PDB file of N, CA and C in Angstrom:
ATOM      1  N   MET A   1      63.469  95.861 109.712  1.00  0.00           N
ATOM      2  CA  MET A   1      63.925  95.488 108.568  1.00  0.00           C
ATOM      3  C   MET A   1      64.151  96.732 107.830  1.00  0.00           C
ATOM      4  N   ASN A   2      63.578  97.681 107.815  1.00  0.00           N
ATOM      5  CA  ASN A   2      63.318  99.494 107.618  1.00  0.00           C
ATOM      6  C   ASN A   2      64.732  99.937 108.327  1.00  0.00           C
ATOM      7  N   ALA A   3      64.929  99.946 109.231  1.00  0.00           N
ATOM      8  CA  ALA A   3      65.972 100.177 109.963  1.00  0.00           C
ATOM      9  C   ALA A   3      67.368 100.127 109.689  1.00  0.00           C
ATOM     10  N   LYS A   4      67.165  98.920 109.300  1.00  0.00           N
ATOM     11  CA  LYS A   4      68.419  98.413 108.642  1.00  0.00           C
ATOM     12  C   LYS A   4      68.765  99.059 106.804  1.00  0.00           C
ATOM     13  N   LEU A   5      67.733  98.506 106.155  1.00  0.00           N
ATOM     14  CA  LEU A   5      67.572  99.271 105.368  1.00  0.00           C
ATOM     15  C   LEU A   5      68.195 100.822 105.032  1.00  0.00           C
ATOM     16  N   SER A   6      67.824 101.588 105.383  1.00  0.00           N
ATOM     17  CA  SER A   6      67.240 102.576 105.624  1.00  0.00           C
ATOM     18  C   SER A   6      68.919 103.256 106.252  1.00  0.00           C
ATOM     19  N   ILE A   7      69.839 102.715 106.917  1.00  0.00           N
ATOM     20  CA  ILE A   7      71.086 102.172 107.532  1.00  0.00           C
ATOM     21  C   ILE A   7      72.348 102.205 106.147  1.00  0.00           C
ATOM     22  N   VAL A   8      72.033 100.749 105.456  1.00  0.00           N
ATOM     23  CA  VAL A   8      72.479 100.442 104.341  1.00  0.00           C
ATOM     24  C   VAL A   8      72.712 101.390 103.371  1.00  0.00           C
ATOM     25  N   LEU A   9      71.602 102.132 102.969  1.00  0.00           N
ATOM     26  CA  LEU A   9      71.249 103.447 102.101  1.00  0.00           C
ATOM     27  C   LEU A   9      72.336 104.761 102.383  1.00  0.00           C
ATOM     28  N   ALA A  10      71.861 104.911 103.516  1.00  0.00           N
ATOM     29  CA  ALA A  10      72.685 105.855 104.727  1.00  0.00           C
ATOM     30  C   ALA A  10      74.251 105.882 104.169  1.00  0.00           C
ATOM     31  N   ALA A  11      74.403 104.491 104.311  1.00  0.00           N
ATOM     32  CA  ALA A  11      76.315 104.136 104.443  1.00  0.00           C
ATOM     33  C   ALA A  11      76.783 104.276 102.796  1.00  0.00           C
ATOM     34  N   MET A  12      76.012 103.816 102.128  1.00  0.00           N
ATOM     35  CA  MET A  12      76.538 104.132 100.336  1.00  0.00           C
ATOM     36  C   MET A  12      76.148 105.166 100.365  1.00  0.00           C
ATOM     37  N   MET A  13      74.892 106.299 100.447  1.00  0.00           N
ATOM     38  CA  MET A  13      75.378 107.282 100.078  1.00  0.00           C
ATOM     39  C   MET A  13      77.005 108.602 100.563  1.00  0.00           C
ATOM     40  N   VAL A  14      77.002 108.231 102.079  1.00  0.00           N
ATOM     41  CA  VAL A  14      77.920 108.672 102.364  1.00  0.00           C
ATOM     42  C   VAL A  14      79.750 108.346 101.629  1.00  0.00           C
ATOM     43  N   ALA A  15      79.553 106.704 101.729  1.00  0.00           N
ATOM     44  CA  ALA A  15      80.548 105.777 100.472  1.00  0.00           C
ATOM     45  C   ALA A  15      80.818 106.949  99.398  1.00  0.00           C
ATOM     46  N   GLY A  16      79.355 106.842  98.355  1.00  0.00           N
ATOM     47  CA  GLY A  16      79.885 107.452  97.510  1.00  0.00           C
ATOM     48  C   GLY A  16      80.038 108.825  96.975  1.00  0.00           C
ATOM     49  N   SER A  17      79.512 109.946  97.905  1.00  0.00           N
ATOM     50  CA  SER A  17      80.113 111.078  97.985  1.00  0.00           C
ATOM     51  C   SER A  17      81.599 111.271  98.379  1.00  0.00           C
ATOM     52  N   ALA A  18      81.841 110.705  99.034  1.00  0.00           N
ATOM     53  CA  ALA A  18      83.307 110.380  99.602  1.00  0.00           C
ATOM     54  C   ALA A  18      83.997 110.168  98.685  1.00  0.00           C
ATOM     55  N   ALA A  19      84.003 109.549  97.862  1.00  0.00           N
ATOM     56  CA  ALA A  19      84.827 108.865  96.957  1.00  0.00           C
ATOM     57  C   ALA A  19      84.430 109.986  95.304  1.00  0.00           C
ATOM     58  N   ALA A  20      83.483 111.006  95.615  1.00  0.00           N
ATOM     59  CA  ALA A  20      83.576 111.707  94.433  1.00  0.00           C
ATOM     60  C   ALA A  20      84.441 112.743  94.560  1.00  0.00           C
ATOM     61  N   LYS A  21      85.144 113.244  95.689  1.00  0.00           N
ATOM     62  CA  LYS A  21      85.657 114.197  96.554  1.00  0.00           C
ATOM     63  C   LYS A  21      86.816 114.280  95.570  1.00  0.00           C
ATOM     64  N   LEU A  22      87.273 112.950  95.936  1.00  0.00           N
ATOM     65  CA  LEU A  22      88.838 112.502  95.491  1.00  0.00           C
ATOM     66  C   LEU A  22      89.176 113.956  94.410  1.00  0.00           C
ATOM     67  N   PRO A  23      90.824 114.024  94.618  1.00  0.00           N
ATOM     68  CA  PRO A  23      91.230 115.115  93.971  1.00  0.00           C
ATOM     69  C   PRO A  23      91.987 114.339  92.498  1.00  0.00           C
ATOM     70  N   PRO A  24      91.972 115.093  91.664  1.00  0.00           N
ATOM     71  CA  PRO A  24      92.757 114.185  90.314  1.00  0.00           C
ATOM     72  C   PRO A  24      94.542 113.804  90.714  1.00  0.00           C
ATOM     73  N   PRO A  25      94.519 112.687  90.336  1.00  0.00           N
ATOM     74  CA  PRO A  25      96.425 112.364  89.880  1.00  0.00           C
ATOM     75  C   PRO A  25      97.371 113.242  90.275  1.00  0.00           C
ATOM     76  N   ASP A  26      97.949 113.446  90.808  1.00  0.00           N
ATOM     77  CA  ASP A  26      99.425 114.837  90.501  1.00  0.00           C
ATOM     78  C   ASP A  26     100.363 113.943  89.508  1.00  0.00           C
ATOM     79  N   ASP A  27     101.511 114.345  88.975  1.00  0.00           N
ATOM     80  CA  ASP A  27     102.478 114.009  88.000  1.00  0.00           C
ATOM     81  C   ASP A  27     102.837 113.178  88.540  1.00  0.00           C
ATOM     82  N   ALA A  28     103.162 112.876  89.702  1.00  0.00           N
ATOM     83  CA  ALA A  28     104.087 112.143  90.557  1.00  0.00           C
ATOM     84  C   ALA A  28     103.296 110.584  90.580  1.00  0.00           C
ATOM     85  N   ALA A  29     102.331 111.000  90.966  1.00  0.00           N
ATOM     86  CA  ALA A  29     101.426 109.571  91.042  1.00  0.00           C
ATOM     87  C   ALA A  29     100.691 109.155  89.535  1.00  0.00           C
ATOM     88  N   LYS A  30     101.271 109.996  88.874  1.00  0.00           N
ATOM     89  CA  LYS A  30     100.894 109.214  87.384  1.00  0.00           C
ATOM     90  C   LYS A  30     102.227 108.729  86.720  1.00  0.00           C
ATOM     91  N   ALA A  31     103.235 109.761  87.185  1.00  0.00           N
ATOM     92  CA  ALA A  31     104.756 108.628  87.283  1.00  0.00           C
ATOM     93  C   ALA A  31     104.656 107.384  88.162  1.00  0.00           C
ATOM     94  N   LYS A  32     104.379 107.403  89.292  1.00  0.00           N
ATOM     95  CA  LYS A  32     104.426 106.015  89.581  1.00  0.00           C
ATOM     96  C   LYS A  32     104.124 104.881  89.038  1.00  0.00           C
ATOM     97  N   ALA A  33     102.556 105.037  88.413  1.00  0.00           N
ATOM     98  CA  ALA A  33     101.639 103.997  87.907  1.00  0.00           C
ATOM     99  C   ALA A  33     102.398 103.503  86.642  1.00  0.00           C
ATOM    100  N   ALA A  34     102.631 104.588  85.972  1.00  0.00           N
ATOM    101  CA  ALA A  34     102.942 104.382  84.713  1.00  0.00           C
ATOM    102  C   ALA A  34     104.589 103.277  84.815  1.00  0.00           C
ATOM    103  N   GLU A  35     105.213 103.800  86.263  1.00  0.00           N
ATOM    104  CA  GLU A  35     106.250 102.752  86.029  1.00  0.00           C
ATOM    105  C   GLU A  35     106.395 101.270  86.806  1.00  0.00           C
ATOM    106  N   ALA A  36     105.328 101.439  87.030  1.00  0.00           N
ATOM    107  CA  ALA A  36     104.607 100.278  88.113  1.00  0.00           C
ATOM    108  C   ALA A  36     104.077  99.455  86.889  1.00  0.00           C
ATOM    109  N   LYS A  37     103.572 100.287  86.107  1.00  0.00           N
ATOM    110  CA  LYS A  37     102.965  99.063  84.817  1.00  0.00           C
ATOM    111  C   LYS A  37     103.724  98.154  83.844  1.00  0.00           C
ATOM    112  N   ASN A  38     104.934  99.495  83.745  1.00  0.00           N
ATOM    113  CA  ASN A  38     106.046  98.868  83.112  1.00  0.00           C
ATOM    114  C   ASN A  38     107.114  97.950  83.707  1.00  0.00           C
ATOM    115  N   LYS A  39     106.818  97.625  85.429  1.00  0.00           N
ATOM    116  CA  LYS A  39     107.415  96.953  85.660  1.00  0.00           C
ATOM    117  C   LYS A  39     106.465  95.583  85.931  1.00  0.00           C
ATOM    118  N   THR A  40     105.214  95.546  85.649  1.00  0.00           N
ATOM    119  CA  THR A  40     104.645  94.152  85.772  1.00  0.00           C
ATOM    120  C   THR A  40     104.730  93.739  84.417  1.00  0.00           C
ATOM    121  N   ALA A  41     104.789  94.489  83.069  1.00  0.00           N
ATOM    122  CA  ALA A  41     104.737  94.311  81.928  1.00  0.00           C
ATOM    123  C   ALA A  41     105.880  93.630  82.057  1.00  0.00           C
ATOM    124  N   TRP A  42     107.295  93.885  82.190  1.00  0.00           N
ATOM    125  CA  TRP A  42     108.777  93.508  82.067  1.00  0.00           C
ATOM    126  C   TRP A  42     108.491  92.325  82.678  1.00  0.00           C
ATOM    127  N   SER A  43     108.343  92.186  84.244  1.00  0.00           N
ATOM    128  CA  SER A  43     108.136  90.728  85.449  1.00  0.00           C
ATOM    129  C   SER A  43     106.927  89.628  83.810  1.00  0.00           C
ATOM    130  N   GLY A  44     106.328  90.352  83.053  1.00  0.00           N
ATOM    131  CA  GLY A  44     105.818  88.987  82.194  1.00  0.00           C
ATOM    132  C   GLY A  44     106.553  88.265  81.639  1.00  0.00           C
ATOM    133  N   LYS A  45     107.091  89.115  80.709  1.00  0.00           N
ATOM    134  CA  LYS A  45     107.856  89.201  79.299  1.00  0.00           C
ATOM    135  C   LYS A  45     108.875  87.606  80.310  1.00  0.00           C
ATOM    136  N   VAL A  46     109.532  88.385  81.134  1.00  0.00           N
ATOM    137  CA  VAL A  46     110.575  87.624  82.656  1.00  0.00           C
ATOM    138  C   VAL A  46     109.783  85.633  82.534  1.00  0.00           C
ATOM    139  N   ALA A  47     108.882  86.011  82.844  1.00  0.00           N
ATOM    140  CA  ALA A  47     108.652  84.852  83.332  1.00  0.00           C
ATOM    141  C   ALA A  47     108.140  83.929  81.871  1.00  0.00           C
ATOM    142  N   ALA A  48     107.803  84.376  80.661  1.00  0.00           N
ATOM    143  CA  ALA A  48     107.195  84.012  79.493  1.00  0.00           C
ATOM    144  C   ALA A  48     108.622  83.851  79.267  1.00  0.00           C
ATOM    145  N   TYR A  49     109.364  84.139  79.004  1.00  0.00           N
ATOM    146  CA  TYR A  49     110.946  83.868  79.132  1.00  0.00           C
ATOM    147  C   TYR A  49     111.548  82.674  79.733  1.00  0.00           C
ATOM    148  N   LYS A  50     111.142  82.628  81.324  1.00  0.00           N
ATOM    149  CA  LYS A  50     111.894  81.408  81.617  1.00  0.00           C
ATOM    150  C   LYS A  50     110.675  80.202  81.789  1.00  0.00           C
ATOM    151  N   LEU A  51     109.734  80.023  80.890  1.00  0.00           N
ATOM    152  CA  LEU A  51     108.753  79.184  80.905  1.00  0.00           C
ATOM    153  C   LEU A  51     109.215  78.667  79.853  1.00  0.00           C
ATOM    154  N   CYS A  52     109.349  79.750  79.021  1.00  0.00           N
ATOM    155  CA  CYS A  52     110.262  78.911  77.671  1.00  0.00           C
ATOM    156  C   CYS A  52     110.852  78.120  77.356  1.00  0.00           C
ATOM    157  N   LEU A  53     112.798  78.833  78.172  1.00  0.00           N
ATOM    158  CA  LEU A  53     113.755  77.906  78.374  1.00  0.00           C
ATOM    159  C   LEU A  53     113.042  76.108  79.323  1.00  0.00           C
ATOM    160  N   VAL A  54     111.825  76.704  79.904  1.00  0.00           N
ATOM    161  CA  VAL A  54     111.204  75.287  81.238  1.00  0.00           C
ATOM    162  C   VAL A  54     110.893  74.001  80.010  1.00  0.00           C
ATOM    163  N   GLN A  55     110.272  74.760  79.204  1.00  0.00           N
ATOM    164  CA  GLN A  55     109.291  73.623  78.249  1.00  0.00           C
ATOM    165  C   GLN A  55     110.497  73.008  76.552  1.00  0.00           C
ATOM    166  N   ASP A  56     111.577  73.841  76.419  1.00  0.00           N
ATOM    167  CA  ASP A  56     112.421  73.701  76.122  1.00  0.00           C
ATOM    168  C   ASP A  56     113.387  72.426  75.996  1.00  0.00           C
ATOM    169  N   ARG A  57     113.640  73.004  77.678  1.00  0.00           N
ATOM    170  CA  ARG A  57     114.396  71.744  78.347  1.00  0.00           C
ATOM    171  C   ARG A  57     113.379  70.374  78.635  1.00  0.00           C
ATOM    172  N   VAL A  58     111.574  70.481  78.666  1.00  0.00           N
ATOM    173  CA  VAL A  58     111.255  68.972  79.192  1.00  0.00           C
ATOM    174  C   VAL A  58     111.088  68.487  77.998  1.00  0.00           C
ATOM    175  N   ALA A  59     110.981  69.522  76.532  1.00  0.00           N
ATOM    176  CA  ALA A  59     110.900  68.947  75.028  1.00  0.00           C
ATOM    177  C   ALA A  59     112.072  68.293  74.925  1.00  0.00           C
ATOM    178  N   ALA A  60     113.281  68.920  74.575  1.00  0.00           N
ATOM    179  CA  ALA A  60     114.311  68.291  74.705  1.00  0.00           C
ATOM    180  C   ALA A  60     114.502  66.226  75.297  1.00  0.00           C
ATOM    181  N   GLN A  61     114.583  66.657  76.699  1.00  0.00           N
ATOM    182  CA  GLN A  61     114.337  65.416  77.555  1.00  0.00           C
ATOM    183  C   GLN A  61     114.214  64.634  76.875  1.00  0.00           C
ATOM    184  N   TYR A  62     111.978  65.128  76.845  1.00  0.00           N
ATOM    185  CA  TYR A  62     111.031  63.561  76.502  1.00  0.00           C
ATOM    186  C   TYR A  62     111.801  63.494  75.123  1.00  0.00           C
ATOM    187  N   LEU A  63     112.153  64.133  74.196  1.00  0.00           N
ATOM    188  CA  LEU A  63     112.741  63.710  73.028  1.00  0.00           C
ATOM    189  C   LEU A  63     113.669  62.598  72.935  1.00  0.00           C
ATOM    190  N   LYS A  64     114.856  62.994  73.396  1.00  0.00           N
ATOM    191  CA  LYS A  64     115.950  61.783  74.185  1.00  0.00           C
ATOM    192  C   LYS A  64     115.651  60.782  74.602  1.00  0.00           C
ATOM    193  N   GLU A  65     114.666  60.245  75.834  1.00  0.00           N
ATOM    194  CA  GLU A  65     114.058  59.442  76.118  1.00  0.00           C
ATOM    195  C   GLU A  65     113.227  58.778  75.222  1.00  0.00           C
ATOM    196  N   LYS A  66     112.946  59.227  74.695  1.00  0.00           N
ATOM    197  CA  LYS A  66     111.704  58.837  73.342  1.00  0.00           C
ATOM    198  C   LYS A  66     112.936  58.395  72.420  1.00  0.00           C
ATOM    199  N   GLY A  67     113.942  58.849  72.143  1.00  0.00           N
ATOM    200  CA  GLY A  67     115.076  58.032  70.836  1.00  0.00           C
ATOM    201  C   GLY A  67     114.670  58.603  69.654  1.00  0.00           C
ATOM    202  N   LYS A  68     113.614  60.022  69.799  1.00  0.00           N
ATOM    203  CA  LYS A  68     113.142  60.617  68.401  1.00  0.00           C
ATOM    204  C   LYS A  68     114.745  61.872  67.960  1.00  0.00           C
ATOM    205  N   ALA A  69     114.394  62.128  67.066  1.00  0.00           N
ATOM    206  CA  ALA A  69     114.628  63.229  66.467  1.00  0.00           C
ATOM    207  C   ALA A  69     114.165  64.546  66.619  1.00  0.00           C
ATOM    208  N   LYS A  70     114.710  65.414  66.129  1.00  0.00           N
ATOM    209  CA  LYS A  70     113.802  66.816  66.885  1.00  0.00           C
ATOM    210  C   LYS A  70     112.986  66.749  65.791  1.00  0.00           C
ATOM    211  N   PRO A  71     111.687  67.673  66.456  1.00  0.00           N
ATOM    212  CA  PRO A  71     110.491  67.379  65.317  1.00  0.00           C
ATOM    213  C   PRO A  71     110.583  68.668  64.215  1.00  0.00           C
ATOM    214  N   ASN A  72     110.401  68.291  62.916  1.00  0.00           N
ATOM    215  CA  ASN A  72     109.985  68.967  61.501  1.00  0.00           C
ATOM    216  C   ASN A  72     109.364  70.415  61.856  1.00  0.00           C
ATOM    217  N   ALA A  73     109.093  70.685  63.243  1.00  0.00           N
ATOM    218  CA  ALA A  73     108.282  72.124  63.120  1.00  0.00           C
ATOM    219  C   ALA A  73     108.855  72.632  63.364  1.00  0.00           C
ATOM    220  N   GLN A  74     108.712  74.243  63.109  1.00  0.00           N
ATOM    221  CA  GLN A  74     109.411  75.604  62.795  1.00  0.00           C
ATOM    222  C   GLN A  74     109.283  76.110  64.803  1.00  0.00           C
ATOM    223  N   VAL A  75     109.888  76.107  65.916  1.00  0.00           N
ATOM    224  CA  VAL A  75     109.721  76.545  66.917  1.00  0.00           C
ATOM    225  C   VAL A  75     110.533  77.998  67.559  1.00  0.00           C
ATOM    226  N   PRO A  76     109.715  79.041  66.967  1.00  0.00           N
ATOM    227  CA  PRO A  76     111.086  80.403  67.669  1.00  0.00           C
ATOM    228  C   PRO A  76     111.619  80.120  68.335  1.00  0.00           C
ATOM    229  N   GLN A  77     112.496  80.921  68.782  1.00  0.00           N
ATOM    230  CA  GLN A  77     113.358  80.501  69.940  1.00  0.00           C
ATOM    231  C   GLN A  77     113.294  81.591  70.854  1.00  0.00           C
ATOM    232  N   CYS A  78     113.300  81.480  72.230  1.00  0.00           N
ATOM    233  CA  CYS A  78     113.388  82.446  73.616  1.00  0.00           C
ATOM    234  C   CYS A  78     113.913  83.549  73.466  1.00  0.00           C
ATOM    235  N   THR A  79     113.789  84.417  73.674  1.00  0.00           N
ATOM    236  CA  THR A  79     114.073  85.598  73.625  1.00  0.00           C
ATOM    237  C   THR A  79     113.637  86.307  74.738  1.00  0.00           C
ATOM    238  N   ASN A  80     115.096  86.168  75.635  1.00  0.00           N
ATOM    239  CA  ASN A  80     115.795  87.119  76.709  1.00  0.00           C
ATOM    240  C   ASN A  80     115.054  88.687  76.427  1.00  0.00           C
ATOM    241  N   PRO A  81     114.324  88.952  77.724  1.00  0.00           N
ATOM    242  CA  PRO A  81     113.882  91.042  77.918  1.00  0.00           C
ATOM    243  C   PRO A  81     115.105  91.448  78.045  1.00  0.00           C
ATOM    244  N   GLY A  82     115.882  91.105  78.851  1.00  0.00           N
ATOM    245  CA  GLY A  82     117.045  91.836  79.212  1.00  0.00           C
ATOM    246  C   GLY A  82     116.496  92.343  80.896  1.00  0.00           C
ATOM    247  N   PRO A  83     117.619  93.452  81.022  1.00  0.00           N
ATOM    248  CA  PRO A  83     117.337  93.914  82.349  1.00  0.00           C
ATOM    249  C   PRO A  83     116.289  94.517  82.276  1.00  0.00           C
ATOM    250  N   TYR A  84     115.983  94.999  83.485  1.00  0.00           N
ATOM    251  CA  TYR A  84     114.697  96.179  83.974  1.00  0.00           C
ATOM    252  C   TYR A  84     115.217  97.341  83.174  1.00  0.00           C
ATOM    253  N   VAL A  85     114.123  98.148  82.578  1.00  0.00           N
ATOM    254  CA  VAL A  85     114.810  98.971  82.119  1.00  0.00           C
ATOM    255  C   VAL A  85     113.626 100.553  82.268  1.00  0.00           C
ATOM    256  N   PRO A  86     114.250 101.321  83.888  1.00  0.00           N
ATOM    257  CA  PRO A  86     113.100 102.042  84.013  1.00  0.00           C
ATOM    258  C   PRO A  86     112.832 103.061  82.774  1.00  0.00           C
ATOM    259  N   LEU A  87     111.312 104.065  82.945  1.00  0.00           N
ATOM    260  CA  LEU A  87     111.038 104.927  81.739  1.00  0.00           C
ATOM    261  C   LEU A  87     111.717 105.416  82.379  1.00  0.00           C
ATOM    262  N   ALA A  88     111.455 106.187  81.202  1.00  0.00           N
ATOM    263  CA  ALA A  88     112.313 107.836  80.765  1.00  0.00           C
ATOM    264  C   ALA A  88     111.342 108.671  81.051  1.00  0.00           C
ATOM    265  N   ASN A  89     111.665 109.948  82.005  1.00  0.00           N
ATOM    266  CA  ASN A  89     111.537 110.819  82.701  1.00  0.00           C
ATOM    267  C   ASN A  89     110.528 111.354  81.704  1.00  0.00           C
ATOM    268  N   ALA A  90     110.525 111.961  80.174  1.00  0.00           N
ATOM    269  CA  ALA A  90     109.853 112.389  79.035  1.00  0.00           C
ATOM    270  C   ALA A  90     108.936 111.341  78.455  1.00  0.00           C
ATOM    271  N   ASP A  91     109.097 110.053  78.400  1.00  0.00           N
ATOM    272  CA  ASP A  91     107.986 108.833  78.091  1.00  0.00           C
ATOM    273  C   ASP A  91     106.551 109.634  79.378  1.00  0.00           C
ATOM    274  N   VAL A  92     106.251 109.893  80.361  1.00  0.00           N
ATOM    275  CA  VAL A  92     105.580 109.983  81.312  1.00  0.00           C
ATOM    276  C   VAL A  92     105.132 111.129  81.888  1.00  0.00           C
ATOM    277  N   GLY A  93     105.763 111.854  81.618  1.00  0.00           N
ATOM    278  CA  GLY A  93     105.309 114.067  81.263  1.00  0.00           C
ATOM    279  C   GLY A  93     105.911 114.152  82.930  1.00  0.00           C
ATOM    280  N   VAL A  94     106.639 113.580  82.804  1.00  0.00           N
ATOM    281  CA  VAL A  94     107.167 114.641  84.823  1.00  0.00           C
ATOM    282  C   VAL A  94     108.783 115.595  84.248  1.00  0.00           C
ATOM    283  N   ALA A  95     108.432 117.008  85.048  1.00  0.00           N
ATOM    284  CA  ALA A  95     109.052 117.567  83.917  1.00  0.00           C
ATOM    285  C   ALA A  95     110.634 118.166  84.909  1.00  0.00           C
ATOM    286  N   ASP A  96     110.577 117.776  86.291  1.00  0.00           N
ATOM    287  CA  ASP A  96     110.810 118.387  87.267  1.00  0.00           C
ATOM    288  C   ASP A  96     111.603 117.011  87.390  1.00  0.00           C
ATOM    289  N   ALA A  97     111.425 115.685  87.578  1.00  0.00           N
ATOM    290  CA  ALA A  97     112.427 114.692  87.694  1.00  0.00           C
ATOM    291  C   ALA A  97     113.486 114.802  87.276  1.00  0.00           C
ATOM    292  N   LYS A  98     114.729 114.026  88.699  1.00  0.00           N
ATOM    293  CA  LYS A  98     115.924 113.655  87.776  1.00  0.00           C
ATOM    294  C   LYS A  98     115.884 112.441  86.682  1.00  0.00           C
ATOM    295  N   PRO A  99     116.850 112.468  85.704  1.00  0.00           N
ATOM    296  CA  PRO A  99     117.135 111.846  84.828  1.00  0.00           C
ATOM    297  C   PRO A  99     118.097 110.162  85.469  1.00  0.00           C
ATOM    298  N   VAL A 100     117.398 109.363  84.744  1.00  0.00           N
ATOM    299  CA  VAL A 100     118.039 108.014  85.622  1.00  0.00           C
ATOM    300  C   VAL A 100     119.521 107.831  85.109  1.00  0.00           C
ATOM    301  N   PRO A 101     120.214 107.826  84.867  1.00  0.00           N
ATOM    302  CA  PRO A 101     122.220 107.754  84.813  1.00  0.00           C
ATOM    303  C   PRO A 101     121.866 106.051  84.722  1.00  0.00           C
ATOM    304  N   ALA A 102     122.869 106.236  83.217  1.00  0.00           N
ATOM    305  CA  ALA A 102     123.700 104.722  82.580  1.00  0.00           C
ATOM    306  C   ALA A 102     123.713 104.051  83.746  1.00  0.00           C
ATOM    307  N   ALA A 103     123.975 102.909  83.904  1.00  0.00           N
ATOM    308  CA  ALA A 103     124.768 101.844  84.568  1.00  0.00           C
ATOM    309  C   ALA A 103     126.309 102.049  84.129  1.00  0.00           C
ATOM    310  N   GLY A 104     127.144 101.888  85.386  1.00  0.00           N
ATOM    311  CA  GLY A 104     128.129 102.447  85.075  1.00  0.00           C
ATOM    312  C   GLY A 104     128.757 103.755  85.438  1.00  0.00           C
ATOM    313  N   ALA A 105     127.846 104.742  85.355  1.00  0.00           N
ATOM    314  CA  ALA A 105     128.415 106.402  84.861  1.00  0.00           C
ATOM    315  C   ALA A 105     128.664 107.003  86.172  1.00  0.00           C
ATOM    316  N   LYS A 106     129.863 107.568  85.642  1.00  0.00           N
ATOM    317  CA  LYS A 106     130.225 107.988  87.138  1.00  0.00           C
ATOM    318  C   LYS A 106     129.835 109.429  86.879  1.00  0.00           C
ATOM    319  N   LYS A 107     129.330 109.943  88.515  1.00  0.00           N
ATOM    320  CA  LYS A 107     128.796 111.169  88.550  1.00  0.00           C
ATOM    321  C   LYS A 107     129.532 111.949  88.759  1.00  0.00           C
TER     322      LYS A 107
END
C-alpha cells in the first residue's frame, strides 16, 4: 500500500514541476487565443439570433392556430450579428502581423 502511495506522490511531484517550467505564451499565441475568444463570442451571438427567429416563428404559429391576436407585450426584435469580423491586429498587440484586407479589396 505504501509503495502505491509513494508512486502516486512521485508522479504528482514530477507533473507539478513540469507544469511550473512552461514558458509564458508569446504574442502569436496570445493573438490566436484572442481570435478564438472573439470567434466563440460571435458564434454565441449567431446561435442566439437563430434561436430568436425560431421562437418568433413558433409563437406566430401558436397564435395563428389559437386564433388570437398578437400579445400586448413589447418584445424586442431579433438582431442579426452580421458576418464574422476578425480582430484588428492593434487590438491584440501584434505589431508584425499583416493587416486583414477588407472584403472586396483589390491587392
